[in-house]
Amino acid sequence: MSKANKLLEQMRNNPRDWRIDDVKTVAEYFSVDWRNMGGSHHVFGVAGIAEKVCVPAHRPIKPAYIRQFVMLIDKIKESNL
């Protein structure tokens, strides 16, 4: 099991106290694009899936944002992108 898969499972089990670097690690593994125009938020998304997830880079990231990110990854896995 890769580091990204382990992080994803840990996020799924406990969505508290995550850093933006952890979210980026999972995003890179699943080929999720992100953008940050110099602000405090990162927007994650994939071509072919209309849903985007906006995650603030403040620490700790609130659990609601981590849950949304995990749901985005689940949609990517379901659609085989």
N, C-alpha and C. Protein backbone atom coordinates (compact mmCIF):
# COMPACT_ATOMS: atom_id res chain seq x y z
N MET A 1 0.85 -1.17 0.00
CA MET A 1 0.00 0.00 0.00
C MET A 1 0.90 1.24 0.00
N SER A 2 0.59 2.18 -0.87
CA SER A 2 1.42 3.38 -0.98
C SER A 2 1.14 4.35 0.17
N LYS A 3 2.03 5.31 0.32
CA LYS A 3 1.88 6.32 1.36
C LYS A 3 0.58 7.10 1.16
N ALA A 4 0.26 7.42 -0.10
CA ALA A 4 -0.95 8.18 -0.39
C ALA A 4 -2.20 7.39 -0.01
N ASN A 5 -2.21 6.10 -0.30
CA ASN A 5 -3.36 5.27 0.08
C ASN A 5 -3.51 5.19 1.59
N LYS A 6 -2.39 5.10 2.30
CA LYS A 6 -2.44 5.08 3.76
C LYS A 6 -2.98 6.40 4.30
N LEU A 7 -2.51 7.51 3.73
CA LEU A 7 -3.01 8.83 4.15
C LEU A 7 -4.50 8.95 3.90
N LEU A 8 -4.95 8.47 2.73
CA LEU A 8 -6.37 8.55 2.39
C LEU A 8 -7.20 7.77 3.39
N GLU A 9 -6.77 6.57 3.75
CA GLU A 9 -7.51 5.78 4.73
C GLU A 9 -7.52 6.45 6.10
N GLN A 10 -6.41 7.06 6.47
CA GLN A 10 -6.35 7.77 7.75
C GLN A 10 -7.27 8.98 7.72
N MET A 11 -7.33 9.68 6.59
CA MET A 11 -8.24 10.83 6.44
C MET A 11 -9.69 10.37 6.57
N ARG A 12 -9.97 9.23 5.97
CA ARG A 12 -11.33 8.69 6.01
C ARG A 12 -11.72 8.33 7.45
N ASN A 13 -10.79 7.76 8.21
CA ASN A 13 -11.07 7.34 9.58
C ASN A 13 -11.05 8.48 10.59
N ASN A 14 -10.21 9.48 10.35
CA ASN A 14 -10.09 10.61 11.27
C ASN A 14 -9.83 11.88 10.47
N PRO A 15 -10.86 12.65 10.16
CA PRO A 15 -10.69 13.84 9.33
C PRO A 15 -10.16 15.07 10.06
N ARG A 16 -9.57 14.90 11.21
CA ARG A 16 -9.08 16.04 11.99
C ARG A 16 -7.56 16.19 11.89
N ASP A 17 -7.10 17.44 12.00
CA ASP A 17 -5.68 17.77 12.14
C ASP A 17 -4.82 17.36 10.94
N TRP A 18 -5.22 17.73 9.75
CA TRP A 18 -4.44 17.46 8.55
C TRP A 18 -3.81 18.73 8.03
N ARG A 19 -2.71 18.57 7.31
CA ARG A 19 -2.01 19.71 6.71
C ARG A 19 -2.25 19.68 5.21
N ILE A 20 -2.06 20.82 4.57
CA ILE A 20 -2.27 20.91 3.13
C ILE A 20 -1.27 20.04 2.38
N ASP A 21 -0.09 19.84 2.92
CA ASP A 21 0.90 18.97 2.27
C ASP A 21 0.42 17.52 2.19
N ASP A 22 -0.30 17.07 3.21
CA ASP A 22 -0.86 15.72 3.19
C ASP A 22 -1.93 15.60 2.10
N VAL A 23 -2.75 16.62 1.98
CA VAL A 23 -3.80 16.63 0.96
C VAL A 23 -3.16 16.63 -0.43
N LYS A 24 -2.10 17.40 -0.60
CA LYS A 24 -1.40 17.45 -1.89
C LYS A 24 -0.77 16.10 -2.24
N THR A 25 -0.24 15.40 -1.26
CA THR A 25 0.35 14.09 -1.49
C THR A 25 -0.69 13.12 -2.05
N VAL A 26 -1.86 13.10 -1.46
CA VAL A 26 -2.93 12.23 -1.95
C VAL A 26 -3.38 12.69 -3.33
N ALA A 27 -3.49 13.99 -3.53
CA ALA A 27 -3.92 14.53 -4.82
C ALA A 27 -2.94 14.15 -5.93
N GLU A 28 -1.66 14.23 -5.67
CA GLU A 28 -0.66 13.86 -6.68
C GLU A 28 -0.78 12.40 -7.07
N TYR A 29 -0.98 11.54 -6.10
CA TYR A 29 -1.07 10.11 -6.37
C TYR A 29 -2.26 9.78 -7.27
N PHE A 30 -3.39 10.46 -7.04
CA PHE A 30 -4.59 10.21 -7.81
C PHE A 30 -4.74 11.15 -9.01
N SER A 31 -3.68 11.85 -9.36
CA SER A 31 -3.65 12.76 -10.52
C SER A 31 -4.70 13.86 -10.45
N VAL A 32 -4.89 14.40 -9.27
CA VAL A 32 -5.82 15.50 -9.07
C VAL A 32 -5.04 16.80 -9.24
N ASP A 33 -5.56 17.69 -10.07
CA ASP A 33 -4.93 18.99 -10.27
C ASP A 33 -5.35 19.93 -9.14
N TRP A 34 -4.46 20.85 -8.80
CA TRP A 34 -4.83 21.88 -7.84
C TRP A 34 -4.26 23.21 -8.30
N ARG A 35 -4.90 24.26 -7.82
CA ARG A 35 -4.40 25.60 -8.13
C ARG A 35 -4.45 26.45 -6.87
N ASN A 36 -3.53 27.39 -6.84
CA ASN A 36 -3.45 28.35 -5.75
C ASN A 36 -2.88 29.62 -6.36
N MET A 37 -3.67 30.63 -6.44
CA MET A 37 -3.25 31.88 -7.06
C MET A 37 -2.60 32.82 -6.04
N GLY A 38 -1.91 32.27 -5.08
CA GLY A 38 -1.22 33.09 -4.08
C GLY A 38 -2.07 33.38 -2.86
N GLY A 39 -3.29 32.88 -2.84
CA GLY A 39 -4.16 33.10 -1.69
C GLY A 39 -4.00 32.00 -0.65
N SER A 40 -4.94 31.94 0.24
CA SER A 40 -4.85 30.97 1.33
C SER A 40 -5.64 29.69 1.07
N HIS A 41 -6.23 29.55 -0.12
CA HIS A 41 -7.01 28.37 -0.44
C HIS A 41 -6.42 27.64 -1.64
N HIS A 42 -6.60 26.33 -1.65
CA HIS A 42 -6.20 25.50 -2.78
C HIS A 42 -7.48 24.87 -3.34
N VAL A 43 -7.61 24.86 -4.66
CA VAL A 43 -8.78 24.28 -5.31
C VAL A 43 -8.33 23.00 -6.01
N PHE A 44 -8.97 21.88 -5.64
CA PHE A 44 -8.63 20.57 -6.19
C PHE A 44 -9.74 20.13 -7.13
N GLY A 45 -9.35 19.55 -8.26
CA GLY A 45 -10.34 19.06 -9.21
C GLY A 45 -9.70 18.21 -10.28
N VAL A 46 -10.55 17.54 -11.06
CA VAL A 46 -10.11 16.66 -12.13
C VAL A 46 -10.99 16.93 -13.35
N ALA A 47 -10.37 16.93 -14.52
CA ALA A 47 -11.15 17.06 -15.74
C ALA A 47 -12.06 15.85 -15.86
N GLY A 48 -13.30 16.08 -16.22
CA GLY A 48 -14.26 14.99 -16.33
C GLY A 48 -15.17 14.87 -15.13
N ILE A 49 -14.83 15.51 -14.04
CA ILE A 49 -15.68 15.53 -12.84
C ILE A 49 -15.97 16.99 -12.53
N ALA A 50 -17.24 17.34 -12.52
CA ALA A 50 -17.63 18.73 -12.36
C ALA A 50 -17.32 19.28 -10.96
N GLU A 51 -17.30 18.44 -9.97
CA GLU A 51 -17.11 18.89 -8.60
C GLU A 51 -15.67 19.32 -8.34
N LYS A 52 -15.52 20.45 -7.68
CA LYS A 52 -14.22 20.96 -7.24
C LYS A 52 -14.28 21.09 -5.72
N VAL A 53 -13.13 20.97 -5.08
CA VAL A 53 -13.06 21.09 -3.62
C VAL A 53 -12.08 22.20 -3.29
N CYS A 54 -12.54 23.18 -2.55
CA CYS A 54 -11.72 24.31 -2.12
C CYS A 54 -11.31 24.06 -0.67
N VAL A 55 -9.99 23.99 -0.44
CA VAL A 55 -9.47 23.67 0.89
C VAL A 55 -8.58 24.82 1.36
N PRO A 56 -8.87 25.40 2.52
CA PRO A 56 -7.99 26.43 3.05
C PRO A 56 -6.69 25.83 3.55
N ALA A 57 -5.61 26.56 3.39
CA ALA A 57 -4.30 26.05 3.79
C ALA A 57 -4.00 26.31 5.26
N HIS A 58 -4.95 26.83 6.00
CA HIS A 58 -4.74 27.09 7.42
C HIS A 58 -4.68 25.77 8.17
N ARG A 59 -3.85 25.74 9.18
CA ARG A 59 -3.73 24.53 9.97
C ARG A 59 -4.43 24.71 11.29
N PRO A 60 -5.18 23.79 11.79
CA PRO A 60 -5.54 22.53 11.13
C PRO A 60 -6.70 22.75 10.15
N ILE A 61 -6.74 21.91 9.13
CA ILE A 61 -7.84 21.96 8.16
C ILE A 61 -9.06 21.35 8.83
N LYS A 62 -10.19 22.02 8.71
CA LYS A 62 -11.41 21.53 9.35
C LYS A 62 -11.86 20.21 8.72
N PRO A 63 -12.46 19.34 9.53
CA PRO A 63 -12.87 18.03 9.05
C PRO A 63 -13.81 18.06 7.84
N ALA A 64 -14.66 19.08 7.74
CA ALA A 64 -15.60 19.15 6.62
C ALA A 64 -14.86 19.21 5.28
N TYR A 65 -13.76 19.92 5.22
CA TYR A 65 -12.98 20.02 3.98
C TYR A 65 -12.31 18.68 3.64
N ILE A 66 -11.84 17.99 4.65
CA ILE A 66 -11.20 16.69 4.42
C ILE A 66 -12.24 15.69 3.93
N ARG A 67 -13.44 15.72 4.49
CA ARG A 67 -14.50 14.82 4.04
C ARG A 67 -14.85 15.09 2.57
N GLN A 68 -14.93 16.36 2.20
CA GLN A 68 -15.22 16.71 0.80
C GLN A 68 -14.11 16.21 -0.12
N PHE A 69 -12.88 16.36 0.31
CA PHE A 69 -11.74 15.89 -0.49
C PHE A 69 -11.77 14.37 -0.65
N VAL A 70 -12.07 13.64 0.41
CA VAL A 70 -12.16 12.18 0.34
C VAL A 70 -13.28 11.77 -0.61
N MET A 71 -14.41 12.47 -0.58
CA MET A 71 -15.51 12.16 -1.50
C MET A 71 -15.08 12.41 -2.95
N LEU A 72 -14.29 13.44 -3.20
CA LEU A 72 -13.78 13.70 -4.54
C LEU A 72 -12.89 12.55 -5.00
N ILE A 73 -12.02 12.08 -4.15
CA ILE A 73 -11.14 10.95 -4.48
C ILE A 73 -11.98 9.70 -4.75
N ASP A 74 -13.03 9.48 -3.97
CA ASP A 74 -13.90 8.32 -4.20
C ASP A 74 -14.58 8.41 -5.56
N LYS A 75 -15.00 9.60 -5.96
CA LYS A 75 -15.61 9.78 -7.29
C LYS A 75 -14.60 9.49 -8.39
N ILE A 76 -13.37 9.88 -8.18
CA ILE A 76 -12.31 9.62 -9.17
C ILE A 76 -12.09 8.12 -9.28
N LYS A 77 -12.05 7.43 -8.16
CA LYS A 77 -11.85 5.97 -8.18
C LYS A 77 -13.01 5.26 -8.88
N GLU A 78 -14.24 5.74 -8.65
CA GLU A 78 -15.41 5.14 -9.28
C GLU A 78 -15.42 5.33 -10.79
N SER A 79 -14.98 6.51 -11.23
CA SER A 79 -15.03 6.81 -12.67
C SER A 79 -13.79 6.33 -13.41
N ASN A 80 -12.79 5.82 -12.66
CA ASN A 80 -11.55 5.31 -13.26
C ASN A 80 -10.83 6.34 -14.10
N LEU A 81 -10.74 7.57 -13.61
CA LEU A 81 -10.01 8.63 -14.32
C LEU A 81 -8.55 8.59 -13.98
